[in-house]
C-alpha atoms as a PDB file:
ATOM      1  CA  MET A   1      -0.146  -0.407  -0.066  1.00  0.00           C
ATOM      2  CA  ALA A   2       2.104   2.540   0.650  1.00  0.00           C
ATOM      3  CA  ARG A   3       4.309   1.825  -2.569  1.00  0.00           C
ATOM      4  CA  GLY A   4       0.884   2.232  -3.548  1.00  0.00           C
ATOM      5  CA  ASN A   5       0.799   5.982  -2.353  1.00  0.00           C
ATOM      6  CA  LYS A   6       4.365   6.655  -3.321  1.00  0.00           C
ATOM      7  CA  ALA A   7       3.772   5.760  -6.878  1.00  0.00           C
ATOM      8  CA  ARG A   8       0.370   7.812  -6.798  1.00  0.00           C
ATOM      9  CA  HIS A   9       1.732  10.841  -5.283  1.00  0.00           C
ATOM     10  CA  PHE A  10       4.620  11.247  -8.002  1.00  0.00           C
ATOM     11  CA  SER A  11       1.364  10.471 -10.086  1.00  0.00           C
ATOM     12  CA  ARG A  12       0.795  13.794  -9.371  1.00  0.00           C
ATOM     13  CA  TRP A  13       3.109  15.799  -8.660  1.00  0.00           C
ATOM     14  CA  LEU A  14       5.095  14.701 -12.177  1.00  0.00           C
ATOM     15  CA  LYS A  15       1.645  15.994 -13.592  1.00  0.00           C
ATOM     16  CA  SER A  16       1.690  19.036 -12.470  1.00  0.00           C
ATOM     17  CA  VAL A  17       5.883  20.049 -13.409  1.00  0.00           C
ATOM     18  CA  ALA A  18       4.798  18.172 -16.983  1.00  0.00           C
ATOM     19  CA  SER A  19       4.984  21.786 -18.544  1.00  0.00           C
ATOM     20  CA  GLU A  20       8.240  22.532 -17.647  1.00  0.00           C
ATOM     21  CA  CYS A  21      10.030  19.642 -19.424  1.00  0.00           C
ATOM     22  CA  ALA A  22      10.131  17.426 -21.485  1.00  0.00           C
ATOM     23  CA  LEU A  23       9.479  13.966 -20.000  1.00  0.00           C
ATOM     24  CA  LYS A  24      10.788  10.884 -21.720  1.00  0.00           C
ATOM     25  CA  PRO A  25       9.426   7.537 -20.118  1.00  0.00           C
ATOM     26  CA  THR A  26      11.780   4.460 -20.192  1.00  0.00           C
ATOM     27  CA  THR A  27       8.829   1.115 -21.522  1.00  0.00           C
ATOM     28  CA  GLY A  28      12.741  -1.308 -20.072  1.00  0.00           C
ATOM     29  CA  PRO A  29      17.247  -1.965 -19.550  1.00  0.00           C
ATOM     30  CA  GLY A  30      19.009   0.268 -21.739  1.00  0.00           C
ATOM     31  CA  ASP A  31      16.562   3.005 -23.036  1.00  0.00           C
ATOM     32  CA  ALA A  32      17.485   5.719 -20.133  1.00  0.00           C
ATOM     33  CA  ARG A  33      20.638   5.510 -21.996  1.00  0.00           C
ATOM     34  CA  ARG A  34      19.324   5.814 -25.470  1.00  0.00           C
ATOM     35  CA  LEU A  35      16.586   8.256 -24.125  1.00  0.00           C
ATOM     36  CA  GLY A  36      19.583  10.080 -22.916  1.00  0.00           C
ATOM     37  CA  ALA A  37      22.010  10.067 -25.267  1.00  0.00           C
ATOM     38  CA  GLU A  38      18.475  11.747 -28.007  1.00  0.00           C
ATOM     39  CA  ALA A  39      18.397  14.248 -25.306  1.00  0.00           C
ATOM     40  CA  VAL A  40      21.017  15.780 -25.818  1.00  0.00           C
ATOM     41  CA  ARG A  41      21.004  15.650 -29.088  1.00  0.00           C
ATOM     42  CA  GLU A  42      18.225  17.474 -29.312  1.00  0.00           C
ATOM     43  CA  ASN A  43      20.217  20.029 -27.359  1.00  0.00           C
ATOM     44  CA  PHE A  44      18.000  20.186 -23.813  1.00  0.00           C
ATOM     45  CA  GLU A  45      20.795  21.297 -21.744  1.00  0.00           C
ATOM     46  CA  LEU A  46      19.879  19.858 -18.713  1.00  0.00           C
ATOM     47  CA  VAL A  47      19.433  15.948 -18.517  1.00  0.00           C
ATOM     48  CA  VAL A  48      17.742  14.715 -15.207  1.00  0.00           C
ATOM     49  CA  ALA A  49      17.602  10.601 -14.270  1.00  0.00           C
ATOM     50  CA  ALA A  50      14.549  10.214 -12.432  1.00  0.00           C
ATOM     51  CA  GLY A  51      14.839   6.626 -10.721  1.00  0.00           C
ATOM     52  CA  GLY A  52      17.523   4.560  -8.475  1.00  0.00           C
ATOM     53  CA  ASP A  53      21.137   4.078  -9.410  1.00  0.00           C
ATOM     54  CA  GLY A  54      21.083   1.908 -12.539  1.00  0.00           C
ATOM     55  CA  THR A  55      18.953   4.585 -14.205  1.00  0.00           C
ATOM     56  CA  VAL A  56      21.538   7.346 -13.024  1.00  0.00           C
ATOM     57  CA  ASN A  57      23.991   5.492 -14.579  1.00  0.00           C
ATOM     58  CA  GLU A  58      22.666   5.355 -18.140  1.00  0.00           C
ATOM     59  CA  VAL A  59      21.242   8.660 -18.611  1.00  0.00           C
ATOM     60  CA  LEU A  60      25.371   8.920 -17.701  1.00  0.00           C
ATOM     61  CA  ASN A  61      26.109   6.757 -20.570  1.00  0.00           C
ATOM     62  CA  GLY A  62      24.190   7.547 -22.287  1.00  0.00           C
ATOM     63  CA  LEU A  63      25.174  11.647 -22.221  1.00  0.00           C
ATOM     64  CA  GLY A  64      28.367   9.956 -22.862  1.00  0.00           C
ATOM     65  CA  ASP A  65      27.730   7.815 -25.502  1.00  0.00           C
ATOM     66  CA  VAL A  66      26.957  11.430 -28.103  1.00  0.00           C
ATOM     67  CA  PRO A  67      30.334  13.312 -28.652  1.00  0.00           C
ATOM     68  CA  ASP A  68      31.072  16.376 -26.779  1.00  0.00           C
ATOM     69  CA  GLY A  69      27.705  15.417 -24.097  1.00  0.00           C
ATOM     70  CA  PHE A  70      29.735  15.961 -21.023  1.00  0.00           C
ATOM     71  CA  ASP A  71      29.981  19.398 -22.080  1.00  0.00           C
ATOM     72  CA  ARG A  72      26.928  19.756 -23.944  1.00  0.00           C
ATOM     73  CA  ALA A  73      24.451  18.474 -20.545  1.00  0.00           C
ATOM     74  CA  ARG A  74      24.093  18.475 -17.112  1.00  0.00           C
ATOM     75  CA  LEU A  75      23.062  15.750 -15.040  1.00  0.00           C
ATOM     76  CA  GLY A  76      20.548  15.817 -12.821  1.00  0.00           C
ATOM     77  CA  VAL A  77      19.373  13.732  -9.875  1.00  0.00           C
ATOM     78  CA  LEU A  78      15.490  13.322  -9.231  1.00  0.00           C
ATOM     79  CA  PRO A  79      16.244   9.879  -6.194  1.00  0.00           C
ATOM     80  CA  LEU A  80      13.116   7.159  -7.042  1.00  0.00           C
ATOM     81  CA  GLY A  81      14.981   3.956  -6.312  1.00  0.00           C
ATOM     82  CA  THR A  82      15.588   1.287  -3.840  1.00  0.00           C
ATOM     83  CA  VAL A  83      18.681   3.119  -2.356  1.00  0.00           C
ATOM     84  CA  ASN A  84      19.783   6.004  -4.077  1.00  0.00           C
ATOM     85  CA  VAL A  85      23.604   6.324  -3.321  1.00  0.00           C
ATOM     86  CA  PHE A  86      24.491   8.949  -5.341  1.00  0.00           C
ATOM     87  CA  ALA A  87      21.986  11.090  -4.050  1.00  0.00           C
ATOM     88  CA  ARG A  88      22.751  10.153  -0.874  1.00  0.00           C
ATOM     89  CA  GLU A  89      26.697  10.689  -1.468  1.00  0.00           C
ATOM     90  CA  ILE A  90      25.360  14.152  -3.111  1.00  0.00           C
ATOM     91  CA  ARG A  91      23.363  15.486  -0.448  1.00  0.00           C
ATOM     92  CA  LEU A  92      19.842  15.721  -1.858  1.00  0.00           C
ATOM     93  CA  PRO A  93      16.597  15.432  -0.055  1.00  0.00           C
ATOM     94  CA  LYS A  94      14.332  12.740   0.240  1.00  0.00           C
ATOM     95  CA  HIS A  95      10.856  14.466  -1.149  1.00  0.00           C
ATOM     96  CA  ILE A  96      10.991  15.305  -4.478  1.00  0.00           C
ATOM     97  CA  PRO A  97       9.955  19.162  -4.602  1.00  0.00           C
ATOM     98  CA  GLU A  98      12.586  19.797  -2.312  1.00  0.00           C
ATOM     99  CA  VAL A  99      14.798  17.976  -5.242  1.00  0.00           C
ATOM    100  CA  TRP A 100      13.583  19.504  -8.197  1.00  0.00           C
ATOM    101  CA  LYS A 101      13.775  23.107  -7.116  1.00  0.00           C
ATOM    102  CA  ILE A 102      17.494  22.359  -6.554  1.00  0.00           C
ATOM    103  CA  LEU A 103      17.540  21.406  -9.910  1.00  0.00           C
ATOM    104  CA  GLN A 104      15.706  24.712 -11.301  1.00  0.00           C
ATOM    105  CA  ARG A 105      18.530  26.506  -8.934  1.00  0.00           C
ATOM    106  CA  GLY A 106      21.037  24.442 -11.338  1.00  0.00           C
ATOM    107  CA  ASN A 107      23.915  24.987  -9.004  1.00  0.00           C
ATOM    108  CA  GLU A 108      26.762  22.922 -11.050  1.00  0.00           C
ATOM    109  CA  LYS A 109      29.612  20.725  -9.656  1.00  0.00           C
ATOM    110  CA  ARG A 110      31.727  19.011 -12.178  1.00  0.00           C
ATOM    111  CA  ILE A 111      32.794  15.877 -10.579  1.00  0.00           C
ATOM    112  CA  ASP A 112      34.913  12.247 -11.292  1.00  0.00           C
ATOM    113  CA  VAL A 113      33.605   9.669 -14.245  1.00  0.00           C
ATOM    114  CA  PRO A 114      35.024   7.038 -13.907  1.00  0.00           C
ATOM    115  CA  MET A 115      35.560   4.224 -17.216  1.00  0.00           C
ATOM    116  CA  VAL A 116      35.577   0.995 -17.607  1.00  0.00           C
ATOM    117  CA  GLU A 117      36.739  -1.141 -20.626  1.00  0.00           C
ATOM    118  CA  PHE A 118      35.257  -4.876 -20.937  1.00  0.00           C
ATOM    119  CA  THR A 119      35.023  -7.606 -23.799  1.00  0.00           C
ATOM    120  CA  ALA A 120      31.089  -8.724 -23.921  1.00  0.00           C
ATOM    121  CA  LYS A 121      29.897 -11.715 -26.411  1.00  0.00           C
ATOM    122  CA  GLY A 122      33.175 -11.134 -28.595  1.00  0.00           C
ATOM    123  CA  ASN A 123      32.492  -7.054 -28.326  1.00  0.00           C
ATOM    124  CA  ALA A 124      34.783  -4.487 -26.644  1.00  0.00           C
ATOM    125  CA  GLU A 125      32.939  -2.034 -24.435  1.00  0.00           C
ATOM    126  CA  ARG A 126      33.206   0.987 -22.910  1.00  0.00           C
ATOM    127  CA  ARG A 127      30.760   1.935 -19.700  1.00  0.00           C
ATOM    128  CA  TYR A 128      30.579   4.951 -17.372  1.00  0.00           C
ATOM    129  CA  LEU A 129      30.664   4.838 -13.470  1.00  0.00           C
ATOM    130  CA  ILE A 130      29.491   7.769 -11.461  1.00  0.00           C
ATOM    131  CA  GLN A 131      29.261   6.451  -7.644  1.00  0.00           C
ATOM    132  CA  LEU A 132      30.514   2.705  -7.569  1.00  0.00           C
ATOM    133  CA  ALA A 133      31.506  -0.610  -8.777  1.00  0.00           C
ATOM    134  CA  GLY A 134      31.937  -3.859  -7.614  1.00  0.00           C
ATOM    135  CA  ALA A 135      33.674  -7.843  -8.074  1.00  0.00           C
ATOM    136  CA  GLY A 136      33.401 -11.151  -7.080  1.00  0.00           C
ATOM    137  CA  LEU A 137      30.251 -11.929  -3.951  1.00  0.00           C
ATOM    138  CA  ASP A 138      28.281  -8.122  -4.598  1.00  0.00           C
ATOM    139  CA  ALA A 139      28.559  -8.741  -8.724  1.00  0.00           C
ATOM    140  CA  ARG A 140      27.285 -12.342  -8.329  1.00  0.00           C
ATOM    141  CA  ALA A 141      23.947 -11.526  -5.375  1.00  0.00           C
ATOM    142  CA  ILE A 142      23.061  -8.415  -7.815  1.00  0.00           C
ATOM    143  CA  GLU A 143      23.218 -11.182 -11.367  1.00  0.00           C
ATOM    144  CA  LEU A 144      20.774 -13.488  -8.585  1.00  0.00           C
ATOM    145  CA  VAL A 145      18.511 -10.704  -7.462  1.00  0.00           C
ATOM    146  CA  SER A 146      14.977 -11.594  -8.140  1.00  0.00           C
ATOM    147  CA  TRP A 147      13.423  -8.192 -10.151  1.00  0.00           C
ATOM    148  CA  LYS A 148       9.592  -9.120  -8.739  1.00  0.00           C
ATOM    149  CA  HIS A 149      11.411  -9.989  -5.355  1.00  0.00           C
ATOM    150  CA  LYS A 150      13.246  -6.641  -5.498  1.00  0.00           C
ATOM    151  CA  LYS A 151      10.122  -4.774  -6.338  1.00  0.00           C
ATOM    152  CA  GLN A 152       7.757  -6.918  -3.918  1.00  0.00           C
ATOM    153  CA  VAL A 153      10.736  -6.596  -0.186  1.00  0.00           C
ATOM    154  CA  GLY A 154      12.957  -3.237  -1.987  1.00  0.00           C
ATOM    155  CA  PRO A 155      16.550  -3.808   0.145  1.00  0.00           C
ATOM    156  CA  LEU A 156      15.696  -7.318   0.989  1.00  0.00           C
ATOM    157  CA  ALA A 157      16.139  -8.787  -1.491  1.00  0.00           C
ATOM    158  CA  TYR A 158      19.632  -8.121  -2.267  1.00  0.00           C
ATOM    159  CA  VAL A 159      19.950  -9.761   1.664  1.00  0.00           C
ATOM    160  CA  ILE A 160      18.405 -12.488   0.039  1.00  0.00           C
ATOM    161  CA  ALA A 161      20.531 -13.336  -3.254  1.00  0.00           C
ATOM    162  CA  GLY A 162      23.295 -12.565  -0.587  1.00  0.00           C
ATOM    163  CA  LEU A 163      22.677 -14.449   1.391  1.00  0.00           C
ATOM    164  CA  LYS A 164      22.512 -17.192  -1.509  1.00  0.00           C
ATOM    165  CA  ALA A 165      26.162 -15.904  -3.368  1.00  0.00           C
ATOM    166  CA  LEU A 166      27.907 -16.354  -0.044  1.00  0.00           C
ATOM    167  CA  ARG A 167      26.651 -20.387   0.200  1.00  0.00           C
ATOM    168  CA  GLU A 168      28.892 -20.815  -3.831  1.00  0.00           C
ATOM    169  CA  LYS A 169      32.605 -20.866  -4.482  1.00  0.00           C
ATOM    170  CA  LYS A 170      33.531 -17.436  -4.808  1.00  0.00           C
ATOM    171  CA  PRO A 171      36.674 -16.448  -7.348  1.00  0.00           C
ATOM    172  CA  CYS A 172      39.833 -15.011  -6.918  1.00  0.00           C
ATOM    173  CA  ILE A 173      39.978 -12.066  -8.296  1.00  0.00           C
ATOM    174  CA  THR A 174      43.725 -10.307  -8.951  1.00  0.00           C
ATOM    175  CA  VAL A 175      43.575  -6.632  -8.212  1.00  0.00           C
ATOM    176  CA  ARG A 176      47.361  -4.697 -10.694  1.00  0.00           C
ATOM    177  CA  ALA A 177      47.739  -0.763 -10.797  1.00  0.00           C
ATOM    178  CA  ASP A 178      51.311   0.770 -10.359  1.00  0.00           C
ATOM    179  CA  GLY A 179      53.077  -1.838 -10.350  1.00  0.00           C
ATOM    180  CA  GLN A 180      51.083  -3.428  -7.387  1.00  0.00           C
ATOM    181  CA  GLU A 181      48.980  -6.440  -7.554  1.00  0.00           C
ATOM    182  CA  PHE A 182      46.565  -8.601  -4.116  1.00  0.00           C
ATOM    183  CA  SER A 183      43.547 -10.407  -4.614  1.00  0.00           C
ATOM    184  CA  GLY A 184      40.499 -11.382  -2.359  1.00  0.00           C
ATOM    185  CA  GLU A 185      37.035 -12.730  -3.499  1.00  0.00           C
ATOM    186  CA  LEU A 186      35.010  -9.159  -3.418  1.00  0.00           C
ATOM    187  CA  VAL A 187      37.194  -5.555  -4.667  1.00  0.00           C
ATOM    188  CA  LEU A 188      35.319  -2.501  -4.465  1.00  0.00           C
ATOM    189  CA  VAL A 189      35.418   0.188  -6.177  1.00  0.00           C
ATOM    190  CA  GLY A 190      34.204   4.354  -4.996  1.00  0.00           C
ATOM    191  CA  ASN A 191      34.128   7.405  -7.147  1.00  0.00           C
ATOM    192  CA  GLY A 192      32.259   8.341  -3.814  1.00  0.00           C
ATOM    193  CA  ARG A 193      32.723   7.997  -0.111  1.00  0.00           C
ATOM    194  CA  LEU A 194      29.297   5.632  -0.123  1.00  0.00           C
ATOM    195  CA  TYR A 195      28.847   2.346  -0.850  1.00  0.00           C
ATOM    196  CA  GLY A 196      25.132   0.286   0.087  1.00  0.00           C
ATOM    197  CA  GLY A 197      23.113   3.309   1.500  1.00  0.00           C
ATOM    198  CA  SER A 198      25.581   5.245   3.765  1.00  0.00           C
ATOM    199  CA  PHE A 199      28.004   2.746   4.704  1.00  0.00           C
ATOM    200  CA  ALA A 200      31.347   4.678   4.045  1.00  0.00           C
ATOM    201  CA  VAL A 201      33.720   2.035   3.265  1.00  0.00           C
ATOM    202  CA  PHE A 202      34.982   4.567   0.807  1.00  0.00           C
ATOM    203  CA  PRO A 203      36.345   6.955   3.904  1.00  0.00           C
ATOM    204  CA  GLU A 204      39.156   9.045   1.916  1.00  0.00           C
ATOM    205  CA  ALA A 205      37.465   9.594  -1.510  1.00  0.00           C
ATOM    206  CA  LYS A 206      36.434  12.141  -3.536  1.00  0.00           C
ATOM    207  CA  LEU A 207      33.708  12.434  -6.122  1.00  0.00           C
ATOM    208  CA  ASP A 208      36.276  14.871  -7.673  1.00  0.00           C
ATOM    209  CA  ASP A 209      39.396  14.070  -6.994  1.00  0.00           C
ATOM    210  CA  GLY A 210      40.934  12.324  -9.525  1.00  0.00           C
ATOM    211  CA  PHE A 211      41.603   8.774  -8.371  1.00  0.00           C
ATOM    212  CA  ILE A 212      39.181   6.022  -8.266  1.00  0.00           C
ATOM    213  CA  ASP A 213      40.035   4.367  -4.328  1.00  0.00           C
ATOM    214  CA  VAL A 214      39.530   0.004  -4.301  1.00  0.00           C
ATOM    215  CA  CYS A 215      38.902  -1.888  -1.199  1.00  0.00           C
ATOM    216  CA  CYS A 216      39.906  -5.431  -1.566  1.00  0.00           C
ATOM    217  CA  LEU A 217      38.265  -8.071   1.240  1.00  0.00           C
ATOM    218  CA  PRO A 218      40.982 -10.756   0.875  1.00  0.00           C
ATOM    219  CA  HIS A 219      38.163 -13.522   1.988  1.00  0.00           C
ATOM    220  CA  ALA A 220      33.904 -12.701   1.177  1.00  0.00           C
ATOM    221  CA  ASN A 221      32.762 -15.442   4.202  1.00  0.00           C
ATOM    222  CA  PHE A 222      30.432 -16.507   6.828  1.00  0.00           C
ATOM    223  CA  PRO A 223      33.257 -15.703   9.262  1.00  0.00           C
ATOM    224  CA  THR A 224      34.783 -12.546   7.785  1.00  0.00           C
ATOM    225  CA  LEU A 225      31.385 -10.715   6.996  1.00  0.00           C
ATOM    226  CA  LEU A 226      30.852 -11.334  11.207  1.00  0.00           C
ATOM    227  CA  ARG A 227      33.493 -10.540  12.223  1.00  0.00           C
ATOM    228  CA  ILE A 228      32.921  -6.980   9.855  1.00  0.00           C
ATOM    229  CA  ALA A 229      30.165  -6.537  10.212  1.00  0.00           C
ATOM    230  CA  PRO A 230      29.564  -4.547  13.583  1.00  0.00           C
ATOM    231  CA  GLY A 231      31.704  -1.890  12.619  1.00  0.00           C
ATOM    232  CA  VAL A 232      29.866  -1.345   9.166  1.00  0.00           C
ATOM    233  CA  LEU A 233      26.219  -1.803  11.413  1.00  0.00           C
ATOM    234  CA  PHE A 234      27.699   0.724  13.733  1.00  0.00           C
ATOM    235  CA  GLN A 235      29.983   2.956  12.444  1.00  0.00           C
ATOM    236  CA  GLY A 236      29.559   2.843   9.054  1.00  0.00           C
ATOM    237  CA  LYS A 237      32.833   1.497   8.000  1.00  0.00           C
ATOM    238  CA  LEU A 238      34.851  -1.459   7.314  1.00  0.00           C
ATOM    239  CA  PRO A 239      37.559  -1.654   9.709  1.00  0.00           C
ATOM    240  CA  GLU A 240      40.887  -1.258   8.385  1.00  0.00           C
ATOM    241  CA  ASN A 241      42.928  -4.461   9.861  1.00  0.00           C
ATOM    242  CA  SER A 242      40.337  -6.298   7.233  1.00  0.00           C
ATOM    243  CA  VAL A 243      40.543  -4.878   3.834  1.00  0.00           C
ATOM    244  CA  GLN A 244      43.260  -4.226   1.330  1.00  0.00           C
ATOM    245  CA  ARG A 245      43.093  -0.268  -0.553  1.00  0.00           C
ATOM    246  CA  LEU A 246      44.378   1.795  -3.873  1.00  0.00           C
ATOM    247  CA  ARG A 247      43.631   4.555  -5.065  1.00  0.00           C
ATOM    248  CA  VAL A 248      44.737   5.237  -8.270  1.00  0.00           C
ATOM    249  CA  LYS A 249      43.844   6.370 -12.294  1.00  0.00           C
ATOM    250  CA  LYS A 250      43.669   3.217 -13.925  1.00  0.00           C
ATOM    251  CA  PHE A 251      43.580  -0.534 -12.107  1.00  0.00           C
ATOM    252  CA  GLU A 252      43.044  -4.074 -14.157  1.00  0.00           C
ATOM    253  CA  LEU A 253      41.133  -6.934 -12.434  1.00  0.00           C
ATOM    254  CA  THR A 254      41.610  -9.955 -13.057  1.00  0.00           C
ATOM    255  CA  CYS A 255      40.300 -14.009 -12.529  1.00  0.00           C
ATOM    256  CA  ALA A 256      41.211 -16.655 -14.053  1.00  0.00           C
ATOM    257  CA  THR A 257      37.670 -18.269 -13.741  1.00  0.00           C
ATOM    258  CA  ALA A 258      34.125 -16.494 -14.209  1.00  0.00           C
ATOM    259  CA  ALA A 259      33.559 -13.071 -12.130  1.00  0.00           C
ATOM    260  CA  ALA A 260      30.709 -10.899 -12.491  1.00  0.00           C
ATOM    261  CA  PHE A 261      31.286  -7.339 -11.518  1.00  0.00           C
ATOM    262  CA  GLU A 262      28.623  -4.449 -11.327  1.00  0.00           C
ATOM    263  CA  LEU A 263      28.049  -0.418 -11.807  1.00  0.00           C
ATOM    264  CA  ASP A 264      25.794   1.505  -9.251  1.00  0.00           C
ATOM    265  CA  GLY A 265      23.910  -2.078  -8.923  1.00  0.00           C
ATOM    266  CA  GLU A 266      23.548  -2.857 -12.154  1.00  0.00           C
ATOM    267  CA  TRP A 267      25.517  -6.265 -13.187  1.00  0.00           C
ATOM    268  CA  VAL A 268      26.730  -5.205 -16.470  1.00  0.00           C
ATOM    269  CA  GLY A 269      29.545  -8.560 -17.474  1.00  0.00           C
ATOM    270  CA  HIS A 270      32.231 -10.831 -16.835  1.00  0.00           C
ATOM    271  CA  LEU A 271      36.298  -9.296 -15.779  1.00  0.00           C
ATOM    272  CA  PRO A 272      38.627  -8.909 -16.876  1.00  0.00           C
ATOM    273  CA  ALA A 273      37.816  -5.476 -16.855  1.00  0.00           C
ATOM    274  CA  THR A 274      40.402  -2.285 -16.875  1.00  0.00           C
ATOM    275  CA  PHE A 275      38.972   0.574 -15.187  1.00  0.00           C
ATOM    276  CA  SER A 276      40.371   4.180 -16.256  1.00  0.00           C
ATOM    277  CA  VAL A 277      39.070   8.208 -14.446  1.00  0.00           C
ATOM    278  CA  GLY A 278      38.364  11.245 -16.396  1.00  0.00           C
ATOM    279  CA  ALA A 279      39.299  13.740 -13.475  1.00  0.00           C
ATOM    280  CA  LYS A 280      36.010  16.205 -13.480  1.00  0.00           C
ATOM    281  CA  GLN A 281      34.174  15.228 -16.381  1.00  0.00           C
ATOM    282  CA  VAL A 282      30.534  15.404 -15.651  1.00  0.00           C
ATOM    283  CA  ARG A 283      28.450  18.723 -14.434  1.00  0.00           C
ATOM    284  CA  ILE A 284      26.240  17.539 -11.624  1.00  0.00           C
ATOM    285  CA  ILE A 285      23.481  19.941 -10.245  1.00  0.00           C
ATOM    286  CA  VAL A 286      23.661  19.822  -6.175  1.00  0.00           C
ATOM    287  CA  PRO A 287      21.940  21.954  -3.545  1.00  0.00           C
END
């Protein structure tokens, strides 16, 4: 009932602002990317992603698909998703009419945009991310999430999928950067500080520092997760003695066996993948 009421309230609000913008509704995966590129080509100066982190990622990639797209259009966010990590990172309020006022004010900030290069079905692919990425356990959990289940129970769907992924044999992922190399069963990548909600997994990260933060857990099993859980749940941070970290401009993730990776909370494909960062490449609207 709450979800239905939320949807109805948003629908009424949307009708009230329809004359102030051009609406481009999506009907399935990939639509937001296509529509984002379309909006740039139609010379819209502000393109707003209304949805969760996956939708923001798609619109970001749509802007990047157009030559000089990041310079031609600014990116705005209406947080309507399950977790909305990027919206939390830039401290957007939860109340949509308040966010709309922020978008109208147009206060912009340039932030870094990491890029990922990988191969899918024999084709070279390139994708951008705005907030976070992961390889190993978290990506496998996302791969296992049922869309129907996610709509029914919200964030709990990720917890259930994560428990399923924990029972599986986990691949060993290798991180290589600047002559350094280490391996683990879970590798998290941050453009900003937050991961999975309000957890400051990357406490030193900044959206505009020109670096990507990498956090690797050597083991991602029940005993390890039980040991680090109190720090994550009560302090919002990972115990530093349980992880390995890097702050770099470029790095590579490889694995001898099939290992999934995700970008901004959406499953993308399998390793290997090379990450790099474009410093202050995208203009976003912030409070």
